[in-house]
């Protein structure tokens, strides 16, 4: 689940007058909550009281809003901002350990695994060494926008959309004009398939072994090894506007959007043996 780490979560009521507007989602870790604000500040709060432990300005550049969801690795917390800067801070003190420039705003969740963090801009995915900030992986799609990214084992899965203003293709138009889902391990591409339109986000769930595709028009359940869609859940009457799901004990929990105003609890299928 994004924004969560080990330890028992606590209810936190943030005294919002202390912060700028908040678009960032919180990350919980061992009694602390990490969150950014649109004034360019990154905050560490005591989870039981909401009181600030430390705050750090990530960048002095223009457009330094902190809208990302942070990642935790060992004793550092990694966060990004709209100024195209990724910063790692010591969890205990807030001291900056390293910073790294990338090619645009980072506004989505930072993913972490095995000593690396993965950060996304409009056209690029970067893999950074979590201890030094050194870039050891970079994928770039100049004519496509990165809509969503998920980790699947030691692989990455991304949903890519055509640039705004690109005319949607007809059946005989070039495949490059399609939304696509791609998976790769390092520099090796594992698959590329046509993606659904209107994807909000994707999430791989290890216990079920499935990839969950949240969309404005519904929810897809996919095989993460091939991108093949096994189930498609939607309403014939209206848009579901499904947010990112959570999965626990064989059930899918999905929040429908503004027009629906409901939480769905669905039975999750098991991964198929191939």
Protein backbone atom coordinates (compact mmCIF):
# COMPACT_ATOMS: atom_id res chain seq x y z
CA UNK A 1 0.00 0.00 0.00
CA UNK A 2 1.51 3.39 -0.91
CA UNK A 3 2.42 5.66 1.96
CA UNK A 4 2.82 2.79 4.46
CA UNK A 5 5.81 1.06 6.01
CA UNK A 6 6.44 -1.31 8.88
CA UNK A 7 5.03 -0.57 12.31
CA UNK A 8 1.51 0.09 13.57
CA UNK A 9 -0.26 3.01 11.86
CA UNK A 10 -1.67 5.74 14.07
CA UNK A 11 -4.45 8.25 13.54
CA UNK A 12 -2.95 11.66 12.80
CA UNK A 13 -4.81 14.96 12.60
CA UNK A 14 -2.55 17.48 10.90
CA UNK A 15 -2.71 21.08 12.12
CA UNK A 16 -2.96 22.37 8.55
CA UNK A 17 -2.28 26.00 9.43
CA UNK A 18 1.39 25.01 9.86
CA UNK A 19 1.74 23.86 6.27
CA UNK A 20 1.13 24.96 2.72
CA UNK A 21 -1.54 23.26 0.63
CA UNK A 22 -0.97 19.50 0.59
CA UNK A 23 -1.31 17.32 -2.52
CA UNK A 24 1.28 14.79 -1.34
CA UNK A 25 0.12 11.50 0.20
CA UNK A 26 1.60 10.63 3.60
CA UNK A 27 4.13 7.87 4.24
CA UNK A 28 4.09 6.18 7.66
CA UNK A 29 7.21 4.58 9.16
CA UNK A 30 7.96 3.57 12.75
CA UNK A 31 5.93 6.19 14.53
CA UNK A 32 6.58 8.99 12.07
CA UNK A 33 4.65 10.44 9.14
CA UNK A 34 6.39 12.02 6.14
CA UNK A 35 4.56 14.44 3.86
CA UNK A 36 5.29 17.36 1.53
CA UNK A 37 3.48 20.59 0.87
CA UNK A 38 3.09 22.99 -2.03
CA UNK A 39 5.21 25.62 -0.27
CA UNK A 40 8.26 23.47 -1.06
CA UNK A 41 8.69 21.92 2.40
CA UNK A 42 9.03 18.28 3.36
CA UNK A 43 7.89 17.43 6.89
CA UNK A 44 8.53 14.65 9.39
CA UNK A 45 5.78 14.45 11.99
CA UNK A 46 5.25 12.47 15.16
CA UNK A 47 2.51 10.00 14.25
CA UNK A 48 0.79 10.03 17.63
CA UNK A 49 0.49 13.81 17.97
CA UNK A 50 1.08 15.33 14.51
CA UNK A 51 3.80 17.56 15.98
CA UNK A 52 6.72 18.38 13.66
CA UNK A 53 9.95 16.48 14.29
CA UNK A 54 11.85 18.24 11.48
CA UNK A 55 11.18 20.03 8.19
CA UNK A 56 13.39 20.37 5.14
CA UNK A 57 13.18 22.60 2.07
CA UNK A 58 13.97 20.30 -0.85
CA UNK A 59 14.94 22.95 -3.40
CA UNK A 60 15.42 26.70 -3.71
CA UNK A 61 14.49 26.57 -7.40
CA UNK A 62 11.23 27.92 -8.78
CA UNK A 63 8.22 25.58 -8.75
CA UNK A 64 9.60 23.57 -5.83
CA UNK A 65 6.24 22.19 -4.68
CA UNK A 66 6.49 18.79 -2.97
CA UNK A 67 3.63 16.69 -4.30
CA UNK A 68 5.33 13.28 -4.33
CA UNK A 69 4.71 10.32 -2.02
CA UNK A 70 7.96 9.48 -0.21
CA UNK A 71 9.78 6.13 -0.06
CA UNK A 72 11.64 4.65 2.90
CA UNK A 73 14.85 2.63 2.53
CA UNK A 74 16.93 1.71 5.57
CA UNK A 75 17.56 4.95 7.50
CA UNK A 76 16.71 7.43 4.74
CA UNK A 77 13.50 8.84 3.34
CA UNK A 78 13.50 9.79 -0.35
CA UNK A 79 11.28 12.55 -1.73
CA UNK A 80 10.95 14.54 -4.97
CA UNK A 81 9.59 17.90 -6.03
CA UNK A 82 8.30 19.75 -9.07
CA UNK A 83 11.67 21.46 -9.56
CA UNK A 84 13.11 18.19 -10.87
CA UNK A 85 15.11 17.31 -7.77
CA UNK A 86 15.14 14.07 -5.76
CA UNK A 87 16.41 14.36 -2.17
CA UNK A 88 17.27 11.74 0.46
CA UNK A 89 17.11 12.80 4.10
CA UNK A 90 18.16 11.05 7.28
CA UNK A 91 15.04 9.81 9.00
CA UNK A 92 16.34 10.68 12.46
CA UNK A 93 17.49 14.25 11.83
CA UNK A 94 16.27 15.44 8.41
CA UNK A 95 19.87 16.00 7.29
CA UNK A 96 20.21 15.86 3.50
CA UNK A 97 22.23 12.76 2.52
CA UNK A 98 22.19 13.36 -1.25
CA UNK A 99 20.25 15.10 -3.99
CA UNK A 100 19.91 14.30 -7.67
CA UNK A 101 18.55 16.31 -10.60
CA UNK A 102 16.21 14.66 -13.11
CA UNK A 103 14.56 15.85 -16.32
CA UNK A 104 11.28 17.20 -14.95
CA UNK A 105 8.79 17.35 -12.09
CA UNK A 106 8.36 14.26 -9.93
CA UNK A 107 4.77 14.21 -8.65
CA UNK A 108 3.92 10.50 -8.28
CA UNK A 109 4.79 7.86 -5.69
CA UNK A 110 8.48 6.97 -5.38
CA UNK A 111 8.97 3.20 -5.47
CA UNK A 112 11.70 1.39 -3.53
CA UNK A 113 13.23 -2.08 -3.61
CA UNK A 114 16.57 -3.75 -2.93
CA UNK A 115 18.59 -0.60 -2.29
CA UNK A 116 17.16 1.35 -5.24
CA UNK A 117 14.45 3.94 -5.68
CA UNK A 118 12.48 4.49 -8.88
CA UNK A 119 11.19 7.96 -9.71
CA UNK A 120 9.00 9.09 -12.58
CA UNK A 121 8.73 12.31 -14.57
CA UNK A 122 6.44 13.10 -17.49
CA UNK A 123 8.59 11.17 -19.99
CA UNK A 124 11.19 9.25 -17.95
CA UNK A 125 11.69 6.57 -15.30
CA UNK A 126 14.89 6.68 -13.27
CA UNK A 127 16.48 4.08 -11.02
CA UNK A 128 18.71 5.60 -8.32
CA UNK A 129 21.04 4.04 -5.80
CA UNK A 130 19.32 4.79 -2.51
CA UNK A 131 22.58 5.28 -0.61
CA UNK A 132 24.24 7.72 -3.06
CA UNK A 133 21.56 9.03 -5.44
CA UNK A 134 23.59 7.88 -8.44
CA UNK A 135 21.45 7.22 -11.53
CA UNK A 136 21.96 3.63 -12.67
CA UNK A 137 18.85 3.24 -14.82
CA UNK A 138 17.01 5.60 -17.16
CA UNK A 139 14.17 4.92 -19.60
CA UNK A 140 12.81 7.79 -21.70
CA UNK A 141 9.86 8.05 -24.09
CA UNK A 142 9.96 11.55 -25.69
CA UNK A 143 6.60 11.21 -27.49
CA UNK A 144 4.72 9.40 -24.70
CA UNK A 145 3.57 10.38 -21.22
CA UNK A 146 4.08 8.02 -18.30
CA UNK A 147 0.66 7.49 -16.76
CA UNK A 148 1.42 4.86 -14.11
CA UNK A 149 4.27 2.65 -12.87
CA UNK A 150 4.38 -0.43 -10.65
CA UNK A 151 7.09 -2.78 -9.38
CA UNK A 152 6.67 -6.48 -10.15
CA UNK A 153 9.45 -8.49 -8.53
CA UNK A 154 12.66 -7.21 -10.11
CA UNK A 155 10.75 -5.74 -13.06
CA UNK A 156 8.94 -2.47 -13.77
CA UNK A 157 5.58 -2.15 -15.51
CA UNK A 158 4.55 1.21 -16.99
CA UNK A 159 1.46 2.57 -18.74
CA UNK A 160 2.33 5.09 -21.47
CA UNK A 161 -0.09 7.48 -23.17
CA UNK A 162 0.32 9.47 -26.41
CA UNK A 163 1.15 13.14 -25.97
CA UNK A 164 -1.77 15.49 -25.49
CA UNK A 165 -3.19 16.53 -28.84
CA UNK A 166 -2.21 13.33 -30.65
CA UNK A 167 -5.18 12.11 -32.65
CA UNK A 168 -6.47 8.76 -31.46
CA UNK A 169 -5.86 6.08 -34.00
CA UNK A 170 -8.32 4.18 -36.09
CA UNK A 171 -7.83 0.47 -36.64
CA UNK A 172 -5.31 0.94 -39.45
CA UNK A 173 -3.32 3.76 -37.85
CA UNK A 174 0.21 3.21 -36.48
CA UNK A 175 0.48 1.41 -33.12
CA UNK A 176 2.67 4.26 -31.79
CA UNK A 177 -0.49 6.33 -31.33
CA UNK A 178 -1.94 3.83 -28.86
CA UNK A 179 -1.69 3.83 -25.09
CA UNK A 180 0.62 0.96 -24.24
CA UNK A 181 1.70 -1.11 -21.27
CA UNK A 182 5.37 -2.09 -21.21
CA UNK A 183 7.41 -4.19 -18.81
CA UNK A 184 11.16 -4.38 -18.56
CA UNK A 185 13.92 -5.75 -16.36
CA UNK A 186 16.94 -3.51 -16.57
CA UNK A 187 17.43 -2.75 -20.26
CA UNK A 188 15.54 -5.86 -21.40
CA UNK A 189 11.92 -5.37 -22.44
CA UNK A 190 9.68 -8.22 -21.30
CA UNK A 191 6.47 -7.31 -23.12
CA UNK A 192 4.57 -4.49 -24.80
CA UNK A 193 0.78 -4.65 -25.18
CA UNK A 194 -2.02 -2.22 -25.91
CA UNK A 195 -3.15 -0.54 -22.69
CA UNK A 196 -6.60 0.60 -21.67
CA UNK A 197 -7.56 4.24 -21.94
CA UNK A 198 -8.15 6.42 -18.88
CA UNK A 199 -5.75 4.57 -16.53
CA UNK A 200 -5.46 6.23 -13.11
CA UNK A 201 -2.85 3.92 -11.64
CA UNK A 202 -1.60 0.33 -11.43
CA UNK A 203 -0.66 -1.77 -8.43
CA UNK A 204 0.92 -5.21 -8.16
CA UNK A 205 -0.14 -7.28 -5.16
CA UNK A 206 2.34 -9.97 -4.14
CA UNK A 207 -0.05 -12.27 -2.25
CA UNK A 208 -2.49 -12.54 -5.15
CA UNK A 209 0.22 -12.34 -7.83
CA UNK A 210 -1.98 -10.01 -9.87
CA UNK A 211 -1.78 -6.50 -11.33
CA UNK A 212 -4.73 -4.22 -10.59
CA UNK A 213 -5.46 -1.48 -13.14
CA UNK A 214 -7.54 1.42 -11.82
CA UNK A 215 -9.31 3.46 -14.51
CA UNK A 216 -11.83 6.24 -14.79
CA UNK A 217 -14.18 3.73 -16.42
CA UNK A 218 -13.54 0.72 -14.18
CA UNK A 219 -11.06 -1.81 -12.82
CA UNK A 220 -8.91 -4.31 -14.72
CA UNK A 221 -7.19 -7.37 -13.28
CA UNK A 222 -4.15 -8.42 -15.30
CA UNK A 223 -1.41 -11.01 -15.50
CA UNK A 224 1.74 -8.99 -14.61
CA UNK A 225 4.01 -11.37 -16.54
CA UNK A 226 2.28 -10.76 -19.89
CA UNK A 227 -0.03 -7.75 -19.51
CA UNK A 228 -2.99 -9.93 -20.47
CA UNK A 229 -6.29 -8.73 -18.99
CA UNK A 230 -8.18 -11.51 -17.22
CA UNK A 231 -11.06 -9.52 -15.74
CA UNK A 232 -12.67 -6.16 -16.50
CA UNK A 233 -15.06 -4.64 -13.98
CA UNK A 234 -17.18 -1.68 -15.04
CA UNK A 235 -20.67 -0.20 -14.89
CA UNK A 236 -22.84 0.04 -17.98
CA UNK A 237 -24.65 3.04 -16.47
CA UNK A 238 -21.91 5.43 -15.36
CA UNK A 239 -18.17 5.94 -14.88
CA UNK A 240 -16.81 4.26 -11.77
CA UNK A 241 -13.74 6.54 -11.52
CA UNK A 242 -11.89 3.83 -9.60
CA UNK A 243 -8.97 4.94 -7.45
CA UNK A 244 -5.97 2.79 -6.56
CA UNK A 245 -7.16 -0.38 -4.86
CA UNK A 246 -5.99 -2.16 -1.75
CA UNK A 247 -6.05 -5.96 -1.49
CA UNK A 248 -6.19 -7.97 1.74
CA UNK A 249 -7.39 -11.45 2.72
CA UNK A 250 -8.63 -12.25 -0.78
CA UNK A 251 -10.68 -9.07 -1.11
CA UNK A 252 -10.28 -5.98 -3.27
CA UNK A 253 -11.20 -2.62 -1.75
CA UNK A 254 -11.89 0.06 -4.33
CA UNK A 255 -13.03 3.65 -3.84
CA UNK A 256 -15.27 4.98 -6.59
CA UNK A 257 -14.99 8.64 -7.54
CA UNK A 258 -17.06 11.77 -7.09
CA UNK A 259 -20.08 10.64 -9.08
CA UNK A 260 -20.27 7.34 -7.18
CA UNK A 261 -19.20 8.13 -3.62
CA UNK A 262 -18.92 4.48 -2.58
CA UNK A 263 -16.37 1.88 -1.52
CA UNK A 264 -16.61 -1.51 -3.19
CA UNK A 265 -15.46 -4.76 -1.59
CA UNK A 266 -14.86 -7.39 -4.26
CA UNK A 267 -13.64 -10.96 -4.15
CA UNK A 268 -10.12 -11.15 -5.60
CA UNK A 269 -9.32 -13.97 -8.03
CA UNK A 270 -6.21 -16.07 -7.55
CA UNK A 271 -3.34 -15.88 -10.00
CA UNK A 272 -3.58 -18.50 -12.75
CA UNK A 273 -0.82 -21.04 -13.14
CA UNK A 274 0.93 -20.78 -16.51
